[in-house]
Amino acid sequence: MDQLALLFVLLLGAVLSVPLGDRLGLPAPVLMTLLGISLALLPVVPNVEVPPDLILPILLPPLLYAAVKRTSWRQFAANKRPIFLLAVALVFVTTAAVAFVANAIVPGLPIAAAVVLGALVAPPDPVAATAVAGQLGLPRRLVSTLEGEGLFNDVTAIVLYHVAIAAVVSGSFSWPEAVVSLLLSAVVALVVGLVIGWTANKLMDFLDDSTLQIGLTLLMPYASYVLAEELHGSGVLAVLVTALFLAEYAFDADDVMTRLTGRAFWDIVDTLVTGVAFGLIGLELHNAIRTASGRWGEMLGWAGTVVAVVIFVRLLWLLPATWLTRRLHARRDLDEDIPISWRETVIMWWAGMRGVASVALALAIPFTMDDKSPFPDRDEIVFIAFGVIMGTLVLQGLSLPWLVKKLGVKADAEKEKEFEQQLALRAARAAKRRLKEIEEVEELPDDLSDQMARRAYDIGLRIDPELGSEERKEAHAKRFSRIRRVRHIQNEMLSAARHEVLAARSEPGADPEIVDRVLRHLDVRSLR
């Protein structure tokens, strides 16, 4: 099996893991990791030959962009305190704890190299957090916090990692330089992200075609990441800023086709890239096996100890952090999405899985230092890192659905329903206001005005049939029953029309472009 065939197997697995995970009640990323491990044990499967310095630039930008599309800047701003405590403070604490323990248990491991290990295993993976937690029906406030943590903690961890690598390679370290490096990296990323976002927004207006606009959204995350890294900024933060900017400003409310097509496109990209990313994690087992040859007991003991440190430091940090956040929340009446019970805190603790970023950082550790001597204990660091990644992904990923069910943590359906009703009512009122504005400048016949008023009301009822009085609900139900029957007949007619047009595509002398153009008109008509 060559590399191309292996990529096809991973892509196929990414597609099949979604329905299989739904049937088994397991997250698709965990199934893909298990698939990668299984493939790594087969002698016919080659070692993965992706350059380590390309893993993050290839995989992270589209995954981060897809994750940000599910949230908003307002949500991040509302949750700035819990995100800071998890994505910044907890990363520093975890790095320090892992470095201290690794320096104590691994003979001869320098403290700077131990910090490298701590930094690369400190951040829970943004892809794992959103992909796993999002499938379990958790409360939205919990998913929001996990998403915010996962999206921002890589920024902190990657900067720490580069500072520690520089200290090991050069043999010197300066705290002031490290702090300045962190601040400059963030500033450069913010500027690059805003510039790329603003540029993309202008290009969207220029392109004025949904296909080209969606293609541009695929390029922009890569542009942000690469440009920020070239300017010694944080590529991850730049992608987040660009994605948030485009989510707020790029698409017009009436650009229905671009929104529907873009959502389908990014769902596909998210599924395929996520599957490949977690499949690669499992396939990297080759490297871990080779590293531990002849030293399994000792190195597994080190890895197990660091796994325990990573897991329990998160718990020990979350307990006081969530308590403090709840106290401030209650005292100041803040609008933050925070865990409101010990059960939700336990779920947040157990959802701290490591993944793609940790793999890429572990593989990117240089082989030599400035003086050409070997990087100290590189093999041991890589093995322990993979032990942490596999341990958290498999152990926590497989048991998280059971734990969620056991603790009875689930989304607040009543609150979500209430918010949906509020949006439905706002939509109906906006439609009525617009109708009144039209009536002020145009003279509409009474029957047409009454019909449009009913349709404005129907906009809200179609979103939420529970709106309105019982009489109006009953009348609406009868009207919708008739509409459904009409639509059924209309869909059958359109289906016959599509079949006839498709049959013409294979007839002699038929122009496929004209056939496809007519078929597109019929497809668009079917969506209405």
Protein backbone atom coordinates (compact mmCIF):
# COMPACT_ATOMS: atom_id res chain seq x y z
CA MET A 1 0.00 0.00 0.00
CA ASP A 2 1.42 3.40 -0.97
CA GLN A 3 0.79 6.82 0.56
CA LEU A 4 -2.00 7.72 -1.89
CA ALA A 5 -3.90 4.51 -1.18
CA LEU A 6 -3.51 5.15 2.55
CA LEU A 7 -4.97 8.65 2.13
CA PHE A 8 -7.96 7.19 0.28
CA VAL A 9 -8.55 4.68 3.11
CA LEU A 10 -8.52 7.52 5.66
CA LEU A 11 -10.93 9.62 3.59
CA LEU A 12 -13.28 6.66 3.19
CA GLY A 13 -13.02 5.96 6.91
CA ALA A 14 -13.84 9.61 7.67
CA VAL A 15 -17.11 9.28 5.75
CA LEU A 16 -18.08 5.89 7.20
CA SER A 17 -17.13 6.76 10.78
CA VAL A 18 -19.97 9.31 11.07
CA PRO A 19 -22.94 6.91 10.63
CA LEU A 20 -21.01 4.13 12.37
CA GLY A 21 -20.35 6.40 15.35
CA ASP A 22 -24.04 7.34 15.50
CA ARG A 23 -25.02 3.67 15.61
CA LEU A 24 -22.41 2.72 18.21
CA GLY A 25 -22.86 5.88 20.27
CA LEU A 26 -19.17 6.75 19.91
CA PRO A 27 -17.54 9.94 18.59
CA ALA A 28 -16.31 9.69 15.00
CA PRO A 29 -12.82 11.13 15.82
CA VAL A 30 -12.23 8.34 18.34
CA LEU A 31 -13.22 5.72 15.76
CA MET A 32 -10.80 7.29 13.27
CA THR A 33 -8.01 7.18 15.85
CA LEU A 34 -8.72 3.49 16.43
CA LEU A 35 -8.71 2.94 12.65
CA GLY A 36 -5.32 4.64 12.43
CA ILE A 37 -3.94 2.46 15.23
CA SER A 38 -5.25 -0.68 13.48
CA LEU A 39 -3.68 0.37 10.19
CA ALA A 40 -0.37 1.16 11.92
CA LEU A 41 -0.15 -2.43 13.17
CA LEU A 42 -0.51 -3.90 9.66
CA PRO A 43 2.83 -4.69 7.96
CA VAL A 44 1.53 -3.63 4.54
CA VAL A 45 0.79 -0.08 5.70
CA PRO A 46 3.75 2.29 5.16
CA ASN A 47 5.03 4.88 7.61
CA VAL A 48 3.36 8.26 7.15
CA GLU A 49 5.78 10.60 5.41
CA VAL A 50 4.19 13.99 6.04
CA PRO A 51 6.84 16.58 7.00
CA PRO A 52 6.13 17.60 10.62
CA ASP A 53 6.31 21.30 9.80
CA LEU A 54 3.43 20.88 7.31
CA ILE A 55 0.95 19.05 9.57
CA LEU A 56 -0.32 22.15 11.38
CA PRO A 57 -0.43 24.44 8.31
CA ILE A 58 -2.32 21.82 6.27
CA LEU A 59 -4.82 20.54 8.83
CA LEU A 60 -5.47 23.29 11.37
CA PRO A 61 -6.65 26.27 9.21
CA PRO A 62 -9.74 24.57 7.70
CA LEU A 63 -10.61 22.85 10.98
CA LEU A 64 -10.39 26.08 12.96
CA TYR A 65 -12.41 27.97 10.35
CA ALA A 66 -15.14 25.31 10.37
CA ALA A 67 -15.27 25.39 14.18
CA VAL A 68 -15.52 29.19 14.32
CA LYS A 69 -18.45 29.13 11.86
CA ARG A 70 -20.45 27.41 14.60
CA THR A 71 -19.92 30.25 17.07
CA SER A 72 -19.64 34.05 17.09
CA TRP A 73 -17.53 36.90 18.42
CA ARG A 74 -20.32 37.80 20.84
CA GLN A 75 -20.11 34.33 22.36
CA PHE A 76 -16.35 34.58 22.85
CA ALA A 77 -16.67 38.04 24.38
CA ALA A 78 -19.36 36.86 26.79
CA ASN A 79 -17.16 33.96 27.92
CA LYS A 80 -13.84 35.77 28.13
CA ARG A 81 -13.30 34.94 31.81
CA PRO A 82 -13.75 31.12 31.65
CA ILE A 83 -11.88 31.02 28.33
CA PHE A 84 -8.96 32.94 29.87
CA LEU A 85 -8.87 30.63 32.89
CA LEU A 86 -8.84 27.53 30.67
CA ALA A 87 -7.07 28.60 27.49
CA VAL A 88 -4.31 30.70 29.05
CA ALA A 89 -3.93 30.12 32.78
CA LEU A 90 -4.55 26.35 32.70
CA VAL A 91 -2.07 25.90 29.82
CA PHE A 92 0.65 27.59 31.89
CA VAL A 93 -0.23 25.53 34.99
CA THR A 94 -0.31 22.24 33.05
CA THR A 95 2.97 23.03 31.32
CA ALA A 96 4.66 23.76 34.65
CA ALA A 97 3.25 20.63 36.35
CA VAL A 98 4.23 18.30 33.48
CA ALA A 99 7.70 19.87 33.24
CA PHE A 100 8.28 19.42 36.98
CA VAL A 101 7.17 15.77 37.00
CA ALA A 102 8.96 14.84 33.75
CA ASN A 103 12.19 16.43 34.98
CA ALA A 104 11.89 14.33 38.16
CA ILE A 105 11.09 10.93 36.62
CA VAL A 106 13.03 10.92 33.33
CA PRO A 107 16.75 10.61 34.14
CA GLY A 108 18.85 13.40 32.67
CA LEU A 109 15.96 15.34 31.09
CA PRO A 110 16.84 19.07 31.16
CA ILE A 111 14.22 21.42 32.57
CA ALA A 112 13.93 23.32 29.25
CA ALA A 113 13.26 20.05 27.37
CA ALA A 114 10.72 19.13 30.05
CA VAL A 115 8.96 22.45 29.36
CA VAL A 116 8.83 21.49 25.67
CA LEU A 117 7.01 18.30 26.66
CA GLY A 118 4.69 20.22 28.99
CA ALA A 119 3.80 22.81 26.35
CA LEU A 120 2.99 20.30 23.63
CA VAL A 121 0.70 18.15 25.83
CA ALA A 122 -0.91 21.07 27.70
CA PRO A 123 -3.61 22.18 25.22
CA PRO A 124 -6.77 20.08 24.77
CA ASP A 125 -7.36 19.78 21.07
CA PRO A 126 -9.91 22.19 19.53
CA VAL A 127 -10.96 19.64 16.93
CA ALA A 128 -11.42 16.85 19.47
CA ALA A 129 -13.35 19.10 21.84
CA THR A 130 -15.82 20.38 19.24
CA ALA A 131 -16.15 17.10 17.32
CA VAL A 132 -16.66 14.89 20.36
CA ALA A 133 -18.59 17.21 22.70
CA GLY A 134 -20.80 18.53 19.90
CA GLN A 135 -22.21 15.04 19.17
CA LEU A 136 -23.29 14.23 22.72
CA GLY A 137 -26.22 16.63 23.17
CA LEU A 138 -24.44 18.61 25.89
CA PRO A 139 -25.72 21.98 27.13
CA ARG A 140 -24.81 24.75 24.74
CA ARG A 141 -23.00 26.71 27.47
CA LEU A 142 -20.71 23.72 28.06
CA VAL A 143 -19.96 23.21 24.37
CA SER A 144 -19.32 26.95 23.97
CA THR A 145 -16.76 26.95 26.76
CA LEU A 146 -15.02 23.84 25.40
CA GLU A 147 -14.94 25.38 21.92
CA GLY A 148 -13.53 28.64 23.23
CA GLU A 149 -10.89 26.83 25.26
CA GLY A 150 -9.93 24.56 22.39
CA LEU A 151 -9.68 27.38 19.87
CA PHE A 152 -7.55 29.70 22.00
CA ASN A 153 -5.34 27.39 24.05
CA ASP A 154 -3.24 26.43 21.02
CA VAL A 155 -2.15 30.07 20.77
CA THR A 156 -0.68 29.99 24.28
CA ALA A 157 0.78 26.50 24.03
CA ILE A 158 2.47 26.99 20.65
CA VAL A 159 4.17 30.20 21.81
CA LEU A 160 5.37 28.45 24.99
CA TYR A 161 6.59 25.53 22.88
CA HIS A 162 8.64 27.77 20.56
CA VAL A 163 10.15 29.65 23.51
CA ALA A 164 11.16 26.37 25.17
CA ILE A 165 12.56 24.95 21.91
CA ALA A 166 14.66 28.10 21.44
CA ALA A 167 15.93 27.79 25.01
CA VAL A 168 17.02 24.16 24.47
CA VAL A 169 18.54 24.72 21.04
CA SER A 170 20.44 27.90 21.93
CA GLY A 171 21.18 27.02 25.54
CA SER A 172 19.90 30.36 26.84
CA PHE A 173 16.55 31.71 28.08
CA SER A 174 15.20 35.14 29.02
CA TRP A 175 11.79 35.71 30.62
CA PRO A 176 11.50 39.29 29.31
CA GLU A 177 12.19 38.07 25.78
CA ALA A 178 9.61 35.30 26.21
CA VAL A 179 6.91 37.76 27.36
CA VAL A 180 7.72 40.17 24.53
CA SER A 181 7.61 37.26 22.05
CA LEU A 182 4.16 36.25 23.31
CA LEU A 183 2.78 39.78 23.05
CA LEU A 184 4.28 40.44 19.60
CA SER A 185 2.97 37.12 18.33
CA ALA A 186 -0.56 38.05 19.45
CA VAL A 187 -0.40 41.59 18.01
CA VAL A 188 0.92 40.37 14.64
CA ALA A 189 -1.78 37.69 14.51
CA LEU A 190 -4.55 40.20 15.27
CA VAL A 191 -3.35 42.57 12.56
CA VAL A 192 -2.92 39.83 9.97
CA GLY A 193 -6.28 38.28 10.80
CA LEU A 194 -8.12 41.59 10.48
CA VAL A 195 -6.34 42.54 7.24
CA ILE A 196 -7.03 39.17 5.61
CA GLY A 197 -10.64 39.25 6.84
CA TRP A 198 -11.22 42.78 5.50
CA THR A 199 -9.58 41.87 2.17
CA ALA A 200 -11.68 38.72 1.85
CA ASN A 201 -14.83 40.71 2.60
CA LYS A 202 -14.06 43.12 -0.25
CA LEU A 203 -13.24 40.25 -2.60
CA MET A 204 -16.60 38.65 -1.75
CA ASP A 205 -18.39 41.71 -3.13
CA PHE A 206 -16.19 41.68 -6.22
CA LEU A 207 -16.70 38.00 -7.03
CA ASP A 208 -20.51 38.09 -6.72
CA ASP A 209 -20.76 34.34 -7.36
CA SER A 210 -21.52 31.75 -4.69
CA THR A 211 -19.11 29.14 -6.07
CA LEU A 212 -16.19 31.57 -6.21
CA GLN A 213 -17.06 33.06 -2.81
CA ILE A 214 -17.04 29.65 -1.15
CA GLY A 215 -13.75 28.82 -2.86
CA LEU A 216 -12.33 32.04 -1.41
CA THR A 217 -13.39 31.02 2.11
CA LEU A 218 -11.25 27.89 1.72
CA LEU A 219 -8.18 29.92 0.78
CA MET A 220 -8.44 32.66 3.41
CA PRO A 221 -7.70 30.50 6.50
CA TYR A 222 -4.51 29.27 4.84
CA ALA A 223 -3.56 32.81 3.84
CA SER A 224 -3.99 34.03 7.42
CA TYR A 225 -2.01 31.16 8.91
CA VAL A 226 0.92 31.30 6.48
CA LEU A 227 1.25 35.10 6.51
CA ALA A 228 1.11 35.30 10.32
CA GLU A 229 3.73 32.56 10.68
CA GLU A 230 5.98 34.27 8.14
CA LEU A 231 5.79 37.46 10.24
CA HIS A 232 6.51 35.47 13.45
CA GLY A 233 2.95 35.78 14.68
CA SER A 234 0.48 33.14 15.84
CA GLY A 235 -1.04 31.45 12.80
CA VAL A 236 -3.79 29.91 14.93
CA LEU A 237 -4.90 33.27 16.36
CA ALA A 238 -4.77 34.87 12.90
CA VAL A 239 -7.12 32.19 11.51
CA LEU A 240 -9.53 32.70 14.42
CA VAL A 241 -9.62 36.47 13.87
CA THR A 242 -10.17 36.08 10.11
CA ALA A 243 -12.92 33.51 10.62
CA LEU A 244 -14.72 35.64 13.22
CA PHE A 245 -14.47 38.71 10.96
CA LEU A 246 -15.91 36.85 7.97
CA ALA A 247 -18.66 35.28 10.08
CA GLU A 248 -19.80 38.75 11.17
CA TYR A 249 -19.40 40.78 7.98
CA ALA A 250 -18.84 38.66 4.88
CA PHE A 251 -22.29 37.39 3.90
CA ASP A 252 -25.44 39.33 3.15
CA ALA A 253 -28.62 38.19 4.88
CA ASP A 254 -30.33 37.73 1.50
CA ASP A 255 -27.50 35.66 -0.02
CA VAL A 256 -29.39 32.43 0.54
CA MET A 257 -27.63 30.29 -2.07
CA THR A 258 -24.12 31.10 -0.82
CA ARG A 259 -25.14 30.41 2.76
CA LEU A 260 -26.76 27.04 2.00
CA THR A 261 -24.02 25.91 -0.36
CA GLY A 262 -21.27 27.15 1.96
CA ARG A 263 -22.71 25.29 4.91
CA ALA A 264 -22.80 22.02 2.96
CA PHE A 265 -19.28 22.61 1.62
CA TRP A 266 -17.77 23.27 5.04
CA ASP A 267 -19.59 20.31 6.57
CA ILE A 268 -17.86 18.12 3.99
CA VAL A 269 -14.46 19.73 4.56
CA ASP A 270 -14.84 19.44 8.33
CA THR A 271 -15.79 15.75 8.14
CA LEU A 272 -12.97 14.75 5.76
CA VAL A 273 -10.15 16.79 7.32
CA THR A 274 -11.15 15.82 10.86
CA GLY A 275 -11.17 12.16 9.87
CA VAL A 276 -7.75 12.36 8.22
CA ALA A 277 -6.29 14.29 11.17
CA PHE A 278 -7.33 11.72 13.76
CA GLY A 279 -6.43 8.84 11.46
CA LEU A 280 -2.92 10.28 11.23
CA ILE A 281 -2.73 10.38 15.02
CA GLY A 282 -3.33 6.64 15.13
CA LEU A 283 -0.90 5.98 12.27
CA GLU A 284 1.90 7.78 14.12
CA LEU A 285 1.91 4.78 16.45
CA HIS A 286 4.69 3.51 14.16
CA ASN A 287 7.04 6.13 15.55
CA ALA A 288 6.12 5.43 19.15
CA ILE A 289 6.68 1.68 18.74
CA ARG A 290 10.07 2.24 17.15
CA THR A 291 11.09 4.67 19.90
CA ALA A 292 10.16 2.35 22.76
CA SER A 293 11.89 -0.73 21.35
CA GLY A 294 13.39 -2.63 24.29
CA ARG A 295 12.27 -0.07 26.92
CA TRP A 296 8.53 -0.64 27.01
CA GLY A 297 8.05 -0.93 30.76
CA GLU A 298 10.07 2.14 31.68
CA MET A 299 8.68 4.41 28.96
CA LEU A 300 5.08 3.30 29.45
CA GLY A 301 5.48 4.14 33.12
CA TRP A 302 6.68 7.65 32.26
CA ALA A 303 3.82 8.14 29.78
CA GLY A 304 1.23 6.86 32.28
CA THR A 305 2.53 9.22 34.95
CA VAL A 306 2.30 12.24 32.63
CA VAL A 307 -1.21 11.20 31.52
CA ALA A 308 -2.26 11.15 35.18
CA VAL A 309 -0.68 14.58 35.76
CA VAL A 310 -2.44 16.09 32.72
CA ILE A 311 -5.83 14.67 33.71
CA PHE A 312 -5.73 15.50 37.43
CA VAL A 313 -4.18 18.96 37.05
CA ARG A 314 -7.18 19.81 34.87
CA LEU A 315 -9.56 18.59 37.58
CA LEU A 316 -7.72 20.40 40.38
CA TRP A 317 -7.76 23.60 38.33
CA LEU A 318 -11.40 23.35 37.20
CA LEU A 319 -12.89 22.92 40.67
CA PRO A 320 -11.78 26.30 42.09
CA ALA A 321 -11.89 28.03 38.68
CA THR A 322 -15.54 27.16 38.03
CA TRP A 323 -16.44 28.00 41.65
CA LEU A 324 -14.80 31.42 41.35
CA THR A 325 -16.43 32.08 37.97
CA ARG A 326 -19.87 31.14 39.33
CA ARG A 327 -19.41 33.46 42.31
CA LEU A 328 -18.46 36.38 40.05
CA HIS A 329 -21.29 35.46 37.70
CA ALA A 330 -23.87 35.53 40.49
CA ARG A 331 -22.46 38.69 42.10
CA ARG A 332 -22.29 40.75 38.88
CA ASP A 333 -25.14 39.10 36.96
CA LEU A 334 -22.85 38.40 34.00
CA ASP A 335 -24.01 36.75 30.79
CA GLU A 336 -21.45 33.93 30.69
CA ASP A 337 -21.78 30.33 29.58
CA ILE A 338 -20.35 28.50 32.60
CA PRO A 339 -20.92 25.06 34.14
CA ILE A 340 -23.75 25.42 36.66
CA SER A 341 -23.38 22.07 38.45
CA TRP A 342 -20.68 19.69 39.61
CA ARG A 343 -21.85 17.23 36.94
CA GLU A 344 -21.11 19.70 34.15
CA THR A 345 -17.73 20.45 35.72
CA VAL A 346 -16.91 16.73 35.67
CA ILE A 347 -17.86 16.50 31.99
CA MET A 348 -15.71 19.53 31.18
CA TRP A 349 -12.82 17.90 33.03
CA TRP A 350 -13.14 14.59 31.20
CA ALA A 351 -13.50 16.28 27.79
CA GLY A 352 -9.90 17.57 27.82
CA MET A 353 -8.58 15.30 25.05
CA ARG A 354 -5.32 15.97 23.23
CA GLY A 355 -4.99 15.63 19.46
CA VAL A 356 -3.71 17.14 16.23
CA ALA A 357 -1.75 20.09 17.63
CA SER A 358 0.13 17.92 20.12
CA VAL A 359 1.05 15.42 17.39
CA ALA A 360 2.38 18.12 15.09
CA LEU A 361 4.38 19.81 17.85
CA ALA A 362 5.88 16.50 19.00
CA LEU A 363 6.99 15.59 15.48
CA ALA A 364 8.34 19.09 14.87
CA ILE A 365 10.93 18.86 17.66
CA PRO A 366 14.33 19.39 15.98
CA PHE A 367 16.82 16.54 15.91
CA THR A 368 19.87 18.68 16.73
CA MET A 369 20.76 21.87 18.59
CA ASP A 370 22.80 24.85 17.41
CA ASP A 371 26.06 23.10 18.27
CA LYS A 372 25.02 20.04 16.17
CA SER A 373 24.63 17.86 19.25
CA PRO A 374 21.43 15.74 19.50
CA PHE A 375 18.31 17.33 20.99
CA PRO A 376 18.23 15.99 24.58
CA ASP A 377 15.91 13.00 25.09
CA ARG A 378 13.94 13.70 21.91
CA ASP A 379 12.79 10.07 21.56
CA GLU A 380 11.56 9.97 25.14
CA ILE A 381 9.64 13.24 24.73
CA VAL A 382 7.98 12.03 21.53
CA PHE A 383 6.97 8.71 23.09
CA ILE A 384 5.52 10.33 26.23
CA ALA A 385 3.64 12.85 24.07
CA PHE A 386 2.06 10.05 22.02
CA GLY A 387 1.21 8.21 25.21
CA VAL A 388 -0.68 11.28 26.45
CA ILE A 389 -2.45 11.75 23.11
CA MET A 390 -3.50 8.10 22.80
CA GLY A 391 -4.40 7.82 26.47
CA THR A 392 -6.66 10.87 26.51
CA LEU A 393 -8.23 10.33 23.09
CA VAL A 394 -8.99 6.64 23.54
CA LEU A 395 -9.64 6.51 27.29
CA GLN A 396 -11.56 9.75 27.61
CA GLY A 397 -13.06 9.72 24.12
CA LEU A 398 -14.53 6.22 24.49
CA SER A 399 -15.81 6.75 28.02
CA LEU A 400 -17.16 10.30 27.62
CA PRO A 401 -20.52 9.22 26.08
CA TRP A 402 -21.04 6.77 28.96
CA LEU A 403 -20.12 9.42 31.53
CA VAL A 404 -22.50 11.97 29.97
CA LYS A 405 -25.32 9.44 30.10
CA LYS A 406 -24.45 8.30 33.63
CA LEU A 407 -24.43 11.85 35.02
CA GLY A 408 -27.54 12.86 33.08
CA VAL A 409 -25.96 15.96 31.57
CA LYS A 410 -27.94 17.13 28.56
CA ALA A 411 -28.97 20.27 26.75
CA ASP A 412 -31.64 22.50 28.28
CA ALA A 413 -34.36 21.79 25.73
CA GLU A 414 -36.82 24.24 27.29
CA LYS A 415 -34.35 27.13 27.18
CA GLU A 416 -33.41 26.36 23.57
CA LYS A 417 -37.10 26.13 22.65
CA GLU A 418 -37.79 29.46 24.34
CA PHE A 419 -34.99 31.17 22.42
CA GLU A 420 -36.24 29.63 19.16
CA GLN A 421 -39.71 31.02 19.88
CA GLN A 422 -38.24 34.47 20.52
CA LEU A 423 -36.44 34.37 17.17
CA ALA A 424 -39.59 33.19 15.41
CA LEU A 425 -41.57 36.06 16.91
CA ARG A 426 -38.87 38.58 15.95
CA ALA A 427 -38.81 37.25 12.40
CA ALA A 428 -42.59 37.55 12.05
CA ARG A 429 -42.59 41.10 13.47
CA ALA A 430 -39.76 42.14 11.13
CA ALA A 431 -41.76 40.82 8.17
CA LYS A 432 -44.84 42.77 9.31
CA ARG A 433 -42.84 45.97 9.73
CA ARG A 434 -41.46 45.59 6.23
CA LEU A 435 -44.97 45.01 4.87
CA LYS A 436 -46.17 48.25 6.49
CA GLU A 437 -43.22 50.14 4.98
CA ILE A 438 -44.16 48.81 1.53
CA GLU A 439 -47.82 49.76 2.05
CA GLU A 440 -46.77 53.33 2.86
CA VAL A 441 -45.17 53.79 -0.56
CA GLU A 442 -47.31 51.42 -2.63
CA GLU A 443 -51.07 51.09 -2.80
CA LEU A 444 -51.84 47.40 -2.37
CA PRO A 445 -55.29 45.89 -2.99
CA ASP A 446 -57.04 44.87 0.23
CA ASP A 447 -57.05 41.18 -0.62
CA LEU A 448 -53.31 41.23 -1.42
CA SER A 449 -52.55 43.16 1.76
CA ASP A 450 -54.50 40.65 3.87
CA GLN A 451 -52.77 37.75 2.14
CA MET A 452 -49.31 39.26 2.76
CA ALA A 453 -50.20 39.92 6.41
CA ARG A 454 -51.10 36.23 6.84
CA ARG A 455 -47.85 35.22 5.19
CA ALA A 456 -45.89 37.47 7.53
CA TYR A 457 -47.53 35.68 10.45
CA ASP A 458 -46.85 32.32 8.80
CA ILE A 459 -43.11 33.08 8.75
CA GLY A 460 -43.05 32.81 12.54
CA LEU A 461 -45.34 29.78 12.60
CA ARG A 462 -43.17 27.89 10.13
CA ILE A 463 -40.21 28.35 12.46
CA ASP A 464 -42.23 27.50 15.57
CA PRO A 465 -45.81 26.17 15.19
CA GLU A 466 -46.46 26.85 18.93
CA LEU A 467 -46.76 30.61 18.34
CA GLY A 468 -50.17 32.26 18.33
CA SER A 469 -53.63 31.46 19.67
CA GLU A 470 -55.25 28.02 19.47
CA GLU A 471 -57.62 29.19 16.70
CA ARG A 472 -54.77 30.55 14.61
CA LYS A 473 -52.73 27.41 15.25
CA GLU A 474 -55.63 25.26 14.02
CA ALA A 475 -56.13 27.41 10.93
CA HIS A 476 -52.39 27.37 10.34
CA ALA A 477 -52.30 23.56 10.65
CA LYS A 478 -55.08 23.17 8.07
CA ARG A 479 -53.40 25.60 5.71
CA PHE A 480 -50.06 23.82 6.12
CA SER A 481 -51.69 20.47 5.48
CA ARG A 482 -52.92 21.81 2.16
CA ILE A 483 -49.51 23.37 1.42
CA ARG A 484 -47.74 20.06 2.12
CA ARG A 485 -50.09 18.28 -0.28
CA VAL A 486 -49.49 20.91 -2.96
CA ARG A 487 -45.73 20.67 -2.41
CA HIS A 488 -45.84 16.89 -2.66
CA ILE A 489 -47.59 17.08 -6.02
CA GLN A 490 -45.26 19.87 -7.14
CA ASN A 491 -42.19 17.82 -6.12
CA GLU A 492 -43.47 14.87 -8.15
CA MET A 493 -43.92 17.16 -11.16
CA LEU A 494 -40.44 18.63 -10.74
CA SER A 495 -38.98 15.13 -10.38
CA ALA A 496 -40.53 14.13 -13.70
CA ALA A 497 -39.14 17.31 -15.27
CA ARG A 498 -35.62 16.60 -13.93
CA HIS A 499 -35.69 13.03 -15.22
CA GLU A 500 -36.73 14.25 -18.65
CA VAL A 501 -33.96 16.89 -18.74
CA LEU A 502 -31.35 14.37 -17.55
CA ALA A 503 -32.47 11.92 -20.23
CA ALA A 504 -31.86 14.66 -22.84
CA ARG A 505 -28.23 14.90 -21.67
CA SER A 506 -27.38 11.58 -23.32
CA GLU A 507 -29.23 12.27 -26.56
CA PRO A 508 -27.18 12.93 -29.74
CA GLY A 509 -26.52 16.63 -30.32
CA ALA A 510 -27.51 17.71 -26.79
CA ASP A 511 -25.24 20.37 -25.29
CA PRO A 512 -24.37 19.23 -21.71
CA GLU A 513 -23.83 22.80 -20.53
CA ILE A 514 -27.30 23.87 -21.60
CA VAL A 515 -28.80 20.75 -20.02
CA ASP A 516 -26.98 21.45 -16.75
CA ARG A 517 -28.12 25.08 -16.83
CA VAL A 518 -31.78 24.04 -17.17
CA LEU A 519 -31.30 21.36 -14.50
CA ARG A 520 -29.89 23.96 -12.13
CA HIS A 521 -33.02 26.10 -12.58
CA LEU A 522 -35.17 23.09 -11.69
CA ASP A 523 -32.97 22.27 -8.67
CA VAL A 524 -33.22 25.84 -7.36
CA ARG A 525 -36.98 25.76 -7.89
CA SER A 526 -37.14 22.55 -5.84
CA LEU A 527 -35.52 24.29 -2.86
CA ARG A 528 -38.21 26.97 -2.64
